[in-house]
Amino acid sequence: MDVKLYVGNLSYSTTEDDLRTMFAQAGTVASVAIIKDRDTGQSKGFAFVEMSTQAEAQKAINQFNGLTVQERALTVNIARPREERTGGYGSRGSGYGDRRGSGGRRRF
């Protein structure tokens, strides 16, 4: 059973290969995914690393949490389940102003 780890406070220049090599010191790495901005492709400074067993995941946490890499102290812990997001615009409205006869202009 793969165990997903959250790895935060990464340098923006860190690559998936860098993380795979580092976390392989703690055990078998099933996958690595650096989270990137969808518009720019720039790293958001965090990633998810899946380790093959709970023991390897705990070893990686003990070994790398707080470790300084590229002048940044890493945060490594068990990833929390993804929160459900509501679709659409939620309670913020459509963002197009009040359309109830005001010609698209908001009344204040």
N, C-alpha and C. Protein backbone atom coordinates (compact mmCIF):
# COMPACT_ATOMS: atom_id res chain seq x y z
N MET A 1 0.83 -1.18 0.00
CA MET A 1 0.00 0.00 0.00
C MET A 1 0.88 1.25 0.00
N ASP A 2 0.75 2.07 -1.02
CA ASP A 2 1.55 3.29 -1.11
C ASP A 2 1.05 4.32 -0.10
N VAL A 3 2.00 5.06 0.47
CA VAL A 3 1.68 6.10 1.45
C VAL A 3 2.14 7.42 0.87
N LYS A 4 1.21 8.38 0.75
CA LYS A 4 1.51 9.67 0.14
C LYS A 4 2.01 10.65 1.19
N LEU A 5 3.13 11.29 0.88
CA LEU A 5 3.73 12.30 1.74
C LEU A 5 3.60 13.67 1.10
N TYR A 6 3.36 14.67 1.93
CA TYR A 6 3.40 16.07 1.51
C TYR A 6 4.81 16.56 1.76
N VAL A 7 5.41 17.22 0.79
CA VAL A 7 6.75 17.81 0.93
C VAL A 7 6.62 19.29 0.61
N GLY A 8 6.79 20.13 1.64
CA GLY A 8 6.60 21.56 1.46
C GLY A 8 7.86 22.36 1.66
N ASN A 9 7.77 23.63 1.30
CA ASN A 9 8.87 24.60 1.39
C ASN A 9 10.02 24.24 0.47
N LEU A 10 9.67 23.72 -0.70
CA LEU A 10 10.70 23.38 -1.69
C LEU A 10 11.19 24.62 -2.42
N SER A 11 12.43 24.57 -2.81
CA SER A 11 12.96 25.59 -3.71
C SER A 11 12.25 25.43 -5.05
N TYR A 12 11.99 26.53 -5.74
CA TYR A 12 11.31 26.47 -7.02
C TYR A 12 12.15 25.76 -8.08
N SER A 13 13.44 25.61 -7.84
CA SER A 13 14.29 24.94 -8.82
C SER A 13 14.40 23.43 -8.58
N THR A 14 13.79 22.92 -7.52
CA THR A 14 13.83 21.49 -7.23
C THR A 14 13.06 20.73 -8.31
N THR A 15 13.65 19.62 -8.77
CA THR A 15 13.00 18.81 -9.80
C THR A 15 12.45 17.52 -9.20
N GLU A 16 11.59 16.85 -9.96
CA GLU A 16 11.06 15.56 -9.52
C GLU A 16 12.18 14.54 -9.38
N ASP A 17 13.18 14.60 -10.25
CA ASP A 17 14.33 13.69 -10.15
C ASP A 17 15.10 13.94 -8.85
N ASP A 18 15.25 15.22 -8.47
CA ASP A 18 15.93 15.55 -7.21
C ASP A 18 15.21 14.88 -6.04
N LEU A 19 13.89 15.00 -6.02
CA LEU A 19 13.10 14.42 -4.92
C LEU A 19 13.15 12.90 -4.95
N ARG A 20 13.06 12.31 -6.13
CA ARG A 20 13.10 10.85 -6.25
C ARG A 20 14.43 10.32 -5.70
N THR A 21 15.53 10.97 -6.06
CA THR A 21 16.85 10.55 -5.58
C THR A 21 16.96 10.71 -4.07
N MET A 22 16.48 11.82 -3.54
CA MET A 22 16.57 12.06 -2.10
C MET A 22 15.73 11.06 -1.33
N PHE A 23 14.46 10.88 -1.72
CA PHE A 23 13.56 10.02 -0.96
C PHE A 23 13.89 8.54 -1.14
N ALA A 24 14.62 8.18 -2.18
CA ALA A 24 15.04 6.80 -2.37
C ALA A 24 15.98 6.35 -1.25
N GLN A 25 16.60 7.30 -0.56
CA GLN A 25 17.45 6.97 0.59
C GLN A 25 16.63 6.35 1.73
N ALA A 26 15.31 6.62 1.74
CA ALA A 26 14.44 6.11 2.80
C ALA A 26 13.69 4.86 2.37
N GLY A 27 13.71 4.53 1.08
CA GLY A 27 13.00 3.34 0.61
C GLY A 27 12.56 3.48 -0.84
N THR A 28 11.60 2.66 -1.22
CA THR A 28 11.12 2.63 -2.59
C THR A 28 10.13 3.77 -2.85
N VAL A 29 10.45 4.60 -3.83
CA VAL A 29 9.59 5.72 -4.20
C VAL A 29 8.66 5.25 -5.32
N ALA A 30 7.35 5.29 -5.05
CA ALA A 30 6.37 4.87 -6.04
C ALA A 30 6.09 5.97 -7.06
N SER A 31 6.02 7.23 -6.60
CA SER A 31 5.78 8.34 -7.51
C SER A 31 6.19 9.66 -6.87
N VAL A 32 6.43 10.64 -7.73
CA VAL A 32 6.77 12.00 -7.29
C VAL A 32 5.99 12.96 -8.18
N ALA A 33 5.35 13.96 -7.55
CA ALA A 33 4.61 14.96 -8.33
C ALA A 33 4.83 16.34 -7.71
N ILE A 34 5.58 17.18 -8.41
CA ILE A 34 5.72 18.57 -7.99
C ILE A 34 4.50 19.32 -8.51
N ILE A 35 3.86 20.07 -7.64
CA ILE A 35 2.65 20.81 -8.02
C ILE A 35 3.07 22.13 -8.66
N LYS A 36 2.50 22.37 -9.84
CA LYS A 36 2.88 23.55 -10.63
C LYS A 36 1.67 24.41 -10.93
N ASP A 37 1.93 25.70 -11.12
CA ASP A 37 0.90 26.64 -11.52
C ASP A 37 0.44 26.26 -12.92
N ARG A 38 -0.86 26.15 -13.13
CA ARG A 38 -1.35 25.69 -14.43
C ARG A 38 -1.12 26.70 -15.54
N ASP A 39 -1.00 27.98 -15.21
CA ASP A 39 -0.80 29.00 -16.24
C ASP A 39 0.66 29.18 -16.61
N THR A 40 1.54 29.20 -15.60
CA THR A 40 2.95 29.50 -15.86
C THR A 40 3.84 28.25 -15.89
N GLY A 41 3.38 27.15 -15.31
CA GLY A 41 4.22 25.96 -15.23
C GLY A 41 5.26 26.04 -14.13
N GLN A 42 5.27 27.15 -13.38
CA GLN A 42 6.22 27.37 -12.28
C GLN A 42 5.82 26.51 -11.08
N SER A 43 6.80 25.92 -10.42
CA SER A 43 6.55 25.15 -9.20
C SER A 43 5.86 26.02 -8.16
N LYS A 44 4.94 25.42 -7.42
CA LYS A 44 4.28 26.14 -6.32
C LYS A 44 5.03 25.94 -5.00
N GLY A 45 6.14 25.20 -5.04
CA GLY A 45 6.96 25.04 -3.84
C GLY A 45 6.57 23.86 -2.96
N PHE A 46 5.72 22.96 -3.49
CA PHE A 46 5.42 21.75 -2.73
C PHE A 46 5.19 20.59 -3.69
N ALA A 47 5.25 19.39 -3.12
CA ALA A 47 5.13 18.18 -3.93
C ALA A 47 4.50 17.07 -3.11
N PHE A 48 4.17 15.99 -3.80
CA PHE A 48 3.70 14.78 -3.14
C PHE A 48 4.62 13.65 -3.57
N VAL A 49 5.08 12.88 -2.59
CA VAL A 49 5.93 11.73 -2.84
C VAL A 49 5.24 10.51 -2.25
N GLU A 50 5.08 9.47 -3.05
CA GLU A 50 4.47 8.23 -2.55
C GLU A 50 5.56 7.22 -2.27
N MET A 51 5.56 6.73 -1.04
CA MET A 51 6.49 5.69 -0.62
C MET A 51 5.73 4.35 -0.60
N SER A 52 6.46 3.25 -0.78
CA SER A 52 5.82 1.94 -0.93
C SER A 52 5.20 1.39 0.35
N THR A 53 5.76 1.72 1.51
CA THR A 53 5.21 1.18 2.76
C THR A 53 5.11 2.28 3.81
N GLN A 54 4.31 2.00 4.82
CA GLN A 54 4.17 2.93 5.94
C GLN A 54 5.51 3.12 6.65
N ALA A 55 6.28 2.04 6.81
CA ALA A 55 7.58 2.12 7.48
C ALA A 55 8.54 3.02 6.71
N GLU A 56 8.54 2.90 5.37
CA GLU A 56 9.42 3.75 4.55
C GLU A 56 8.96 5.20 4.61
N ALA A 57 7.66 5.42 4.63
CA ALA A 57 7.14 6.79 4.73
C ALA A 57 7.56 7.41 6.06
N GLN A 58 7.45 6.66 7.15
CA GLN A 58 7.84 7.18 8.46
C GLN A 58 9.34 7.45 8.50
N LYS A 59 10.13 6.58 7.88
CA LYS A 59 11.58 6.79 7.81
C LYS A 59 11.88 8.08 7.05
N ALA A 60 11.17 8.33 5.94
CA ALA A 60 11.38 9.55 5.16
C ALA A 60 11.01 10.80 5.97
N ILE A 61 9.92 10.72 6.73
CA ILE A 61 9.53 11.85 7.57
C ILE A 61 10.62 12.13 8.60
N ASN A 62 11.06 11.08 9.28
CA ASN A 62 12.10 11.24 10.30
C ASN A 62 13.40 11.78 9.71
N GLN A 63 13.72 11.35 8.51
CA GLN A 63 14.99 11.72 7.88
C GLN A 63 14.98 13.11 7.25
N PHE A 64 13.84 13.52 6.68
CA PHE A 64 13.83 14.73 5.87
C PHE A 64 13.04 15.90 6.42
N ASN A 65 12.12 15.68 7.36
CA ASN A 65 11.36 16.80 7.92
C ASN A 65 12.31 17.73 8.67
N GLY A 66 12.35 18.99 8.28
CA GLY A 66 13.23 19.97 8.90
C GLY A 66 14.62 20.05 8.27
N LEU A 67 14.93 19.12 7.36
CA LEU A 67 16.22 19.13 6.69
C LEU A 67 16.33 20.35 5.78
N THR A 68 17.47 21.04 5.82
CA THR A 68 17.67 22.20 4.97
C THR A 68 18.21 21.74 3.62
N VAL A 69 17.44 22.07 2.57
CA VAL A 69 17.82 21.73 1.19
C VAL A 69 17.69 23.01 0.38
N GLN A 70 18.76 23.41 -0.28
CA GLN A 70 18.80 24.65 -1.07
C GLN A 70 18.31 25.83 -0.22
N GLU A 71 18.85 25.91 0.99
CA GLU A 71 18.59 27.00 1.95
C GLU A 71 17.14 27.09 2.41
N ARG A 72 16.41 25.97 2.35
CA ARG A 72 15.03 25.93 2.83
C ARG A 72 14.84 24.70 3.72
N ALA A 73 14.18 24.90 4.85
CA ALA A 73 13.87 23.78 5.75
C ALA A 73 12.61 23.08 5.25
N LEU A 74 12.76 21.82 4.85
CA LEU A 74 11.64 21.08 4.29
C LEU A 74 10.60 20.73 5.35
N THR A 75 9.36 20.66 4.92
CA THR A 75 8.27 20.14 5.73
C THR A 75 7.85 18.83 5.08
N VAL A 76 7.93 17.74 5.83
CA VAL A 76 7.54 16.44 5.29
C VAL A 76 6.60 15.78 6.29
N ASN A 77 5.40 15.44 5.83
CA ASN A 77 4.46 14.72 6.68
C ASN A 77 3.48 13.93 5.82
N ILE A 78 2.66 13.12 6.48
CA ILE A 78 1.66 12.34 5.77
C ILE A 78 0.68 13.32 5.12
N ALA A 79 0.39 13.10 3.84
CA ALA A 79 -0.53 13.98 3.12
C ALA A 79 -1.95 13.77 3.63
N ARG A 80 -2.66 14.86 3.81
CA ARG A 80 -4.08 14.78 4.19
C ARG A 80 -4.90 14.51 2.94
N PRO A 81 -6.06 13.90 3.12
CA PRO A 81 -6.93 13.69 1.95
C PRO A 81 -7.33 15.02 1.33
N ARG A 82 -7.48 15.03 0.03
CA ARG A 82 -7.85 16.25 -0.69
C ARG A 82 -9.25 16.69 -0.26
N GLU A 83 -9.38 17.98 0.00
CA GLU A 83 -10.67 18.53 0.39
C GLU A 83 -11.56 18.66 -0.83
N GLU A 84 -12.84 18.38 -0.65
CA GLU A 84 -13.80 18.54 -1.74
C GLU A 84 -13.97 20.03 -2.04
N ARG A 85 -13.95 20.36 -3.30
CA ARG A 85 -14.18 21.74 -3.72
C ARG A 85 -15.55 21.83 -4.33
N THR A 86 -16.21 22.92 -4.05
CA THR A 86 -17.52 23.11 -4.68
C THR A 86 -17.28 23.63 -6.09
N GLY A 87 -18.08 23.18 -7.01
CA GLY A 87 -17.93 23.62 -8.39
C GLY A 87 -18.58 24.97 -8.61
N GLY A 88 -18.35 25.55 -9.74
CA GLY A 88 -18.99 26.81 -10.09
C GLY A 88 -18.42 27.98 -9.32
N TYR A 89 -19.29 28.92 -9.06
CA TYR A 89 -18.85 30.18 -8.47
C TYR A 89 -19.13 30.27 -6.98
N GLY A 90 -19.80 29.27 -6.41
CA GLY A 90 -20.08 29.30 -4.99
C GLY A 90 -20.92 30.50 -4.61
N SER A 91 -20.65 31.06 -3.46
CA SER A 91 -21.46 32.17 -2.97
C SER A 91 -20.94 33.53 -3.45
N ARG A 92 -19.90 33.53 -4.25
CA ARG A 92 -19.32 34.80 -4.70
C ARG A 92 -20.05 35.38 -5.90
N GLY A 93 -21.00 34.66 -6.45
CA GLY A 93 -21.72 35.18 -7.61
C GLY A 93 -20.95 34.94 -8.88
N SER A 94 -21.46 35.47 -9.96
CA SER A 94 -20.86 35.20 -11.26
C SER A 94 -19.70 36.13 -11.59
N GLY A 95 -19.57 37.21 -10.84
CA GLY A 95 -18.49 38.15 -11.13
C GLY A 95 -18.82 39.12 -12.24
N TYR A 96 -20.06 39.11 -12.74
CA TYR A 96 -20.44 39.98 -13.84
C TYR A 96 -21.35 41.12 -13.40
N GLY A 97 -21.43 41.35 -12.13
CA GLY A 97 -22.25 42.45 -11.65
C GLY A 97 -23.70 42.05 -11.50
N ASP A 98 -24.49 42.97 -11.06
CA ASP A 98 -25.91 42.75 -10.83
C ASP A 98 -26.65 42.87 -12.16
N ARG A 99 -27.28 41.82 -12.60
CA ARG A 99 -27.95 41.82 -13.91
C ARG A 99 -29.46 42.05 -13.78
N ARG A 100 -29.92 42.55 -12.67
CA ARG A 100 -31.36 42.75 -12.47
C ARG A 100 -31.78 44.14 -12.92
N GLY A 101 -31.57 44.45 -14.16
CA GLY A 101 -32.05 45.71 -14.71
C GLY A 101 -31.11 46.88 -14.49
N SER A 102 -29.91 46.65 -14.07
CA SER A 102 -28.99 47.76 -13.82
C SER A 102 -27.99 47.93 -14.96
N GLY A 103 -28.21 47.23 -16.06
CA GLY A 103 -27.31 47.38 -17.19
C GLY A 103 -25.93 46.81 -16.93
N GLY A 104 -25.84 45.86 -15.98
CA GLY A 104 -24.57 45.23 -15.69
C GLY A 104 -23.73 46.00 -14.69
N ARG A 105 -24.22 47.17 -14.23
CA ARG A 105 -23.47 47.96 -13.26
C ARG A 105 -23.99 47.66 -11.87
N ARG A 106 -23.09 47.60 -10.93
CA ARG A 106 -23.49 47.35 -9.56
C ARG A 106 -24.00 48.63 -8.92
N ARG A 107 -25.00 48.48 -8.08
CA ARG A 107 -25.50 49.62 -7.32
C ARG A 107 -24.98 49.52 -5.91
N PHE A 108 -24.43 50.59 -5.43
CA PHE A 108 -23.86 50.59 -4.07
C PHE A 108 -24.67 51.42 -3.14
